[in-house]
Amino acid sequence: MKNKRCSWWVRTGFRLFFGGLAFFIAVAFPFLPSLAALIGGIALPLTLAYPCFMWISIKKTHQKGHGVMWCLNLGPGCLGMVLSVLLVVAAVWNLATKGLHANFFHPE
């Protein structure tokens, strides 16, 4: 708020808190790596597709015609959505064939 750096003890507290939180999640949910592809497929459009579609929507390029920038944003946007769908389908297929062995606090 005052445009100053946090003190060393605040930064250390943040690091300890988030490091402890990551450690707790890793111990409590040892089956998360088998869900990583599904979580990544759901989050993929946030980084690949939505910004492209937001640019098209904000610039209102559909009213002026389809230029080079419109194509350069529509292409990766559609590619990101297709990759996301493929990744989610592959992750669900993998979970259906191999199964999910969810065990809390018992890594095996």
Protein backbone atom coordinates (compact mmCIF):
# COMPACT_ATOMS: atom_id res chain seq x y z
CA MET A 1 0.00 0.00 0.00
CA LYS A 2 2.89 2.35 0.71
CA ASN A 3 4.94 1.25 -2.33
CA LYS A 4 7.62 -0.26 -0.11
CA ARG A 5 9.06 -3.76 -0.02
CA CYS A 6 7.80 -6.18 2.57
CA SER A 7 10.13 -6.76 5.47
CA TRP A 8 12.23 -9.91 5.57
CA TRP A 9 10.09 -11.55 8.24
CA VAL A 10 6.90 -11.07 6.19
CA ARG A 11 8.55 -12.60 3.11
CA THR A 12 9.88 -15.46 5.23
CA GLY A 13 6.42 -16.01 6.69
CA PHE A 14 4.87 -16.14 3.22
CA ARG A 15 7.49 -18.62 2.03
CA LEU A 16 7.00 -20.85 5.05
CA PHE A 17 3.22 -20.75 4.72
CA PHE A 18 3.11 -21.60 1.01
CA GLY A 19 5.89 -24.18 1.34
CA GLY A 20 4.00 -25.83 4.20
CA LEU A 21 0.76 -25.70 2.23
CA ALA A 22 2.41 -27.37 -0.78
CA PHE A 23 3.93 -30.02 1.49
CA PHE A 24 0.56 -30.69 3.15
CA ILE A 25 -1.19 -31.06 -0.22
CA ALA A 26 1.55 -33.42 -1.46
CA VAL A 27 1.22 -35.62 1.63
CA ALA A 28 -2.57 -35.46 1.92
CA PHE A 29 -3.29 -36.14 -1.74
CA PRO A 30 -0.64 -38.50 -3.14
CA PHE A 31 -2.91 -39.38 -6.09
CA LEU A 32 -2.80 -35.87 -7.61
CA PRO A 33 -0.22 -36.80 -10.30
CA SER A 34 -2.78 -39.14 -11.84
CA LEU A 35 -5.21 -36.21 -12.04
CA ALA A 36 -2.63 -33.76 -13.41
CA ALA A 37 -3.59 -34.27 -17.05
CA LEU A 38 -7.27 -33.71 -16.29
CA ILE A 39 -6.59 -30.56 -14.28
CA GLY A 40 -4.22 -29.31 -16.97
CA GLY A 41 -6.74 -29.98 -19.73
CA ILE A 42 -9.37 -28.00 -17.88
CA ALA A 43 -6.97 -25.10 -17.23
CA LEU A 44 -5.40 -25.10 -20.71
CA PRO A 45 -7.95 -22.76 -22.34
CA LEU A 46 -7.23 -20.11 -19.72
CA THR A 47 -3.75 -19.64 -21.13
CA LEU A 48 -4.11 -20.65 -24.78
CA ALA A 49 -7.62 -19.95 -26.00
CA TYR A 50 -9.41 -17.35 -23.91
CA PRO A 51 -6.91 -14.50 -24.44
CA CYS A 52 -7.19 -14.94 -28.21
CA PHE A 53 -10.98 -14.91 -28.12
CA MET A 54 -10.94 -11.96 -25.71
CA TRP A 55 -8.79 -9.99 -28.16
CA ILE A 56 -11.25 -10.72 -30.97
CA SER A 57 -14.14 -9.71 -28.74
CA ILE A 58 -12.54 -6.53 -27.40
CA LYS A 59 -11.24 -5.26 -30.73
CA LYS A 60 -14.60 -5.96 -32.44
CA THR A 61 -12.76 -7.17 -35.53
CA HIS A 62 -15.79 -9.10 -36.73
CA GLN A 63 -17.44 -5.79 -37.68
CA LYS A 64 -14.55 -4.56 -39.84
CA GLY A 65 -13.79 -7.80 -41.62
CA HIS A 66 -11.30 -10.53 -41.16
CA GLY A 67 -7.71 -9.34 -41.24
CA VAL A 68 -4.40 -10.96 -40.49
CA MET A 69 -4.58 -10.29 -36.74
CA TRP A 70 -8.05 -11.81 -36.60
CA CYS A 71 -6.71 -15.00 -38.20
CA LEU A 72 -3.64 -14.97 -35.95
CA ASN A 73 -5.91 -14.90 -32.91
CA LEU A 74 -8.64 -17.23 -34.13
CA GLY A 75 -6.15 -19.94 -35.15
CA PRO A 76 -4.39 -20.38 -31.78
CA GLY A 77 -7.71 -19.93 -29.96
CA CYS A 78 -9.31 -22.80 -31.85
CA LEU A 79 -6.14 -24.87 -31.58
CA GLY A 80 -6.08 -24.32 -27.82
CA MET A 81 -9.69 -25.44 -27.49
CA VAL A 82 -9.11 -28.54 -29.61
CA LEU A 83 -5.99 -29.45 -27.60
CA SER A 84 -7.90 -28.92 -24.38
CA VAL A 85 -10.72 -31.23 -25.45
CA LEU A 86 -8.23 -33.88 -26.60
CA LEU A 87 -6.31 -33.67 -23.33
CA VAL A 88 -9.45 -33.96 -21.21
CA VAL A 89 -10.69 -36.95 -23.25
CA ALA A 90 -7.27 -38.64 -22.97
CA ALA A 91 -7.12 -38.00 -19.21
CA VAL A 92 -10.61 -39.39 -18.66
CA TRP A 93 -9.76 -42.40 -20.83
CA ASN A 94 -6.60 -42.99 -18.81
CA LEU A 95 -8.50 -42.74 -15.53
CA ALA A 96 -11.18 -45.11 -16.83
CA THR A 97 -8.70 -47.75 -17.93
CA LYS A 98 -6.21 -47.56 -15.06
CA GLY A 99 -8.49 -46.31 -12.32
CA LEU A 100 -7.82 -43.85 -9.56
CA HIS A 101 -6.47 -45.25 -6.34
CA ALA A 102 -7.29 -42.46 -3.92
CA ASN A 103 -5.69 -42.90 -0.55
CA PHE A 104 -5.35 -40.01 1.82
CA PHE A 105 -2.25 -39.75 4.02
CA HIS A 106 -1.08 -43.21 2.92
CA PRO A 107 1.38 -42.90 0.03
CA GLU A 108 1.97 -46.27 -1.60
